[in-house]
Amino acid sequence: MIITLKVPSIACEVCANTITKAMENYDPQGQISVDVSTKIVSITTNKTVHEIKKVIMEVGHTIED
């Protein structure tokens, strides 16, 4: 399943790296892509949307509904 989320708190590559590392630790089999310019996070995963949102919020980012 591909999950695409708008994360307005992404400001730079450091933010992107923080989210990427958190997702890689949580779901090593998942594939993540973070676009800093559009603030879009795309994840190919077997995890639920709720689980993915929780991981992103735990590293200090906000998610737009």
N, C-alpha and C. Protein backbone atom coordinates (compact mmCIF):
# COMPACT_ATOMS: atom_id res chain seq x y z
N MET A 1 0.85 -1.17 0.00
CA MET A 1 0.00 0.00 0.00
C MET A 1 0.89 1.24 0.00
N ILE A 2 0.48 2.25 -0.77
CA ILE A 2 1.21 3.51 -0.79
C ILE A 2 0.42 4.53 0.02
N ILE A 3 1.09 5.14 0.99
CA ILE A 3 0.50 6.17 1.83
C ILE A 3 1.18 7.49 1.48
N THR A 4 0.39 8.50 1.18
CA THR A 4 0.93 9.82 0.87
C THR A 4 0.35 10.82 1.87
N LEU A 5 1.25 11.55 2.53
CA LEU A 5 0.84 12.50 3.57
C LEU A 5 1.45 13.86 3.32
N LYS A 6 0.69 14.91 3.61
CA LYS A 6 1.20 16.29 3.57
C LYS A 6 1.71 16.60 4.97
N VAL A 7 2.99 16.96 5.06
CA VAL A 7 3.63 17.24 6.35
C VAL A 7 4.15 18.69 6.30
N PRO A 8 3.29 19.66 6.66
CA PRO A 8 3.66 21.07 6.52
C PRO A 8 4.83 21.53 7.37
N SER A 9 5.20 20.75 8.37
CA SER A 9 6.31 21.14 9.24
C SER A 9 7.68 20.81 8.65
N ILE A 10 7.73 20.17 7.47
CA ILE A 10 9.02 19.89 6.82
C ILE A 10 9.58 21.22 6.30
N ALA A 11 10.76 21.57 6.80
CA ALA A 11 11.36 22.85 6.42
C ALA A 11 12.65 22.68 5.60
N CYS A 12 13.30 21.52 5.76
CA CYS A 12 14.61 21.36 5.13
C CYS A 12 14.97 19.89 5.01
N GLU A 13 16.16 19.63 4.47
CA GLU A 13 16.64 18.26 4.32
C GLU A 13 16.83 17.55 5.67
N VAL A 14 17.16 18.30 6.71
CA VAL A 14 17.31 17.69 8.03
C VAL A 14 15.98 17.10 8.49
N CYS A 15 14.90 17.85 8.26
CA CYS A 15 13.56 17.34 8.59
C CYS A 15 13.27 16.06 7.80
N ALA A 16 13.58 16.10 6.51
CA ALA A 16 13.35 14.93 5.65
C ALA A 16 14.15 13.73 6.16
N ASN A 17 15.40 13.96 6.54
CA ASN A 17 16.25 12.87 7.04
C ASN A 17 15.72 12.31 8.36
N THR A 18 15.22 13.19 9.22
CA THR A 18 14.66 12.75 10.50
C THR A 18 13.47 11.82 10.28
N ILE A 19 12.58 12.23 9.39
CA ILE A 19 11.40 11.40 9.08
C ILE A 19 11.82 10.10 8.42
N THR A 20 12.75 10.18 7.48
CA THR A 20 13.21 8.98 6.77
C THR A 20 13.82 7.98 7.74
N LYS A 21 14.69 8.43 8.62
CA LYS A 21 15.34 7.53 9.58
C LYS A 21 14.33 6.91 10.53
N ALA A 22 13.36 7.70 10.99
CA ALA A 22 12.33 7.17 11.89
C ALA A 22 11.51 6.09 11.20
N MET A 23 11.17 6.33 9.93
CA MET A 23 10.38 5.34 9.19
C MET A 23 11.21 4.09 8.89
N GLU A 24 12.48 4.26 8.55
CA GLU A 24 13.34 3.10 8.29
C GLU A 24 13.51 2.25 9.54
N ASN A 25 13.58 2.88 10.71
CA ASN A 25 13.68 2.13 11.97
C ASN A 25 12.38 1.41 12.28
N TYR A 26 11.26 2.05 11.99
CA TYR A 26 9.95 1.49 12.31
C TYR A 26 9.57 0.37 11.32
N ASP A 27 9.85 0.59 10.05
CA ASP A 27 9.47 -0.36 9.01
C ASP A 27 10.62 -0.53 8.02
N PRO A 28 11.60 -1.37 8.36
CA PRO A 28 12.78 -1.53 7.51
C PRO A 28 12.47 -2.01 6.09
N GLN A 29 11.35 -2.69 5.89
CA GLN A 29 10.99 -3.17 4.56
C GLN A 29 10.27 -2.09 3.73
N GLY A 30 9.84 -1.02 4.39
CA GLY A 30 9.10 0.04 3.69
C GLY A 30 10.02 0.88 2.81
N GLN A 31 9.42 1.54 1.83
CA GLN A 31 10.16 2.45 0.95
C GLN A 31 9.59 3.85 1.19
N ILE A 32 10.45 4.81 1.53
CA ILE A 32 9.99 6.16 1.85
C ILE A 32 10.63 7.18 0.92
N SER A 33 9.84 8.19 0.59
CA SER A 33 10.31 9.30 -0.22
C SER A 33 9.77 10.58 0.42
N VAL A 34 10.65 11.55 0.63
CA VAL A 34 10.25 12.83 1.22
C VAL A 34 10.62 13.95 0.23
N ASP A 35 9.63 14.72 -0.18
CA ASP A 35 9.85 15.85 -1.08
C ASP A 35 9.76 17.13 -0.25
N VAL A 36 10.91 17.75 0.00
CA VAL A 36 10.96 18.93 0.86
C VAL A 36 10.18 20.09 0.25
N SER A 37 10.28 20.28 -1.07
CA SER A 37 9.64 21.44 -1.70
C SER A 37 8.11 21.38 -1.63
N THR A 38 7.54 20.18 -1.76
CA THR A 38 6.07 20.05 -1.70
C THR A 38 5.58 19.62 -0.32
N LYS A 39 6.53 19.24 0.55
CA LYS A 39 6.22 18.77 1.91
C LYS A 39 5.36 17.50 1.90
N ILE A 40 5.63 16.64 0.90
CA ILE A 40 4.89 15.39 0.75
C ILE A 40 5.78 14.21 1.13
N VAL A 41 5.23 13.33 1.97
CA VAL A 41 5.89 12.09 2.35
C VAL A 41 5.10 10.95 1.72
N SER A 42 5.78 10.10 0.96
CA SER A 42 5.16 8.93 0.36
C SER A 42 5.85 7.69 0.90
N ILE A 43 5.05 6.73 1.35
CA ILE A 43 5.59 5.53 1.95
C ILE A 43 4.89 4.32 1.35
N THR A 44 5.67 3.35 0.86
CA THR A 44 5.13 2.07 0.44
C THR A 44 5.36 1.13 1.61
N THR A 45 4.26 0.65 2.21
CA THR A 45 4.36 -0.09 3.46
C THR A 45 3.17 -1.01 3.66
N ASN A 46 3.30 -1.93 4.58
CA ASN A 46 2.18 -2.77 5.01
C ASN A 46 1.58 -2.25 6.32
N LYS A 47 2.16 -1.19 6.85
CA LYS A 47 1.66 -0.59 8.09
C LYS A 47 0.40 0.23 7.80
N THR A 48 -0.35 0.57 8.85
CA THR A 48 -1.57 1.37 8.67
C THR A 48 -1.23 2.86 8.61
N VAL A 49 -2.15 3.64 8.07
CA VAL A 49 -1.98 5.09 8.02
C VAL A 49 -1.80 5.63 9.43
N HIS A 50 -2.57 5.12 10.37
CA HIS A 50 -2.48 5.58 11.77
C HIS A 50 -1.07 5.33 12.33
N GLU A 51 -0.51 4.17 12.06
CA GLU A 51 0.84 3.85 12.55
C GLU A 51 1.88 4.79 11.96
N ILE A 52 1.76 5.06 10.65
CA ILE A 52 2.71 5.94 9.97
C ILE A 52 2.62 7.36 10.52
N LYS A 53 1.40 7.85 10.67
CA LYS A 53 1.20 9.20 11.22
C LYS A 53 1.81 9.31 12.62
N LYS A 54 1.63 8.26 13.43
CA LYS A 54 2.16 8.27 14.80
C LYS A 54 3.69 8.40 14.80
N VAL A 55 4.36 7.66 13.91
CA VAL A 55 5.82 7.71 13.84
C VAL A 55 6.28 9.12 13.45
N ILE A 56 5.63 9.72 12.47
CA ILE A 56 6.00 11.06 12.01
C ILE A 56 5.76 12.09 13.12
N MET A 57 4.65 11.97 13.81
CA MET A 57 4.35 12.92 14.89
C MET A 57 5.30 12.74 16.08
N GLU A 58 5.75 11.51 16.33
CA GLU A 58 6.67 11.24 17.44
C GLU A 58 8.02 11.91 17.24
N VAL A 59 8.41 12.20 15.98
CA VAL A 59 9.67 12.90 15.75
C VAL A 59 9.45 14.40 15.60
N GLY A 60 8.25 14.87 15.99
CA GLY A 60 8.02 16.31 16.10
C GLY A 60 7.40 17.00 14.90
N HIS A 61 6.79 16.23 13.99
CA HIS A 61 6.20 16.85 12.81
C HIS A 61 4.68 16.80 12.85
N THR A 62 4.07 17.73 12.11
CA THR A 62 2.63 17.80 12.02
C THR A 62 2.17 17.25 10.68
N ILE A 63 0.96 16.72 10.66
CA ILE A 63 0.40 16.15 9.44
C ILE A 63 -0.90 16.87 9.12
N GLU A 64 -1.04 17.25 7.86
CA GLU A 64 -2.25 17.94 7.41
C GLU A 64 -3.26 16.89 6.95
N ASP A 65 -4.50 17.05 7.37
CA ASP A 65 -5.55 16.11 6.94
C ASP A 65 -6.11 16.48 5.60
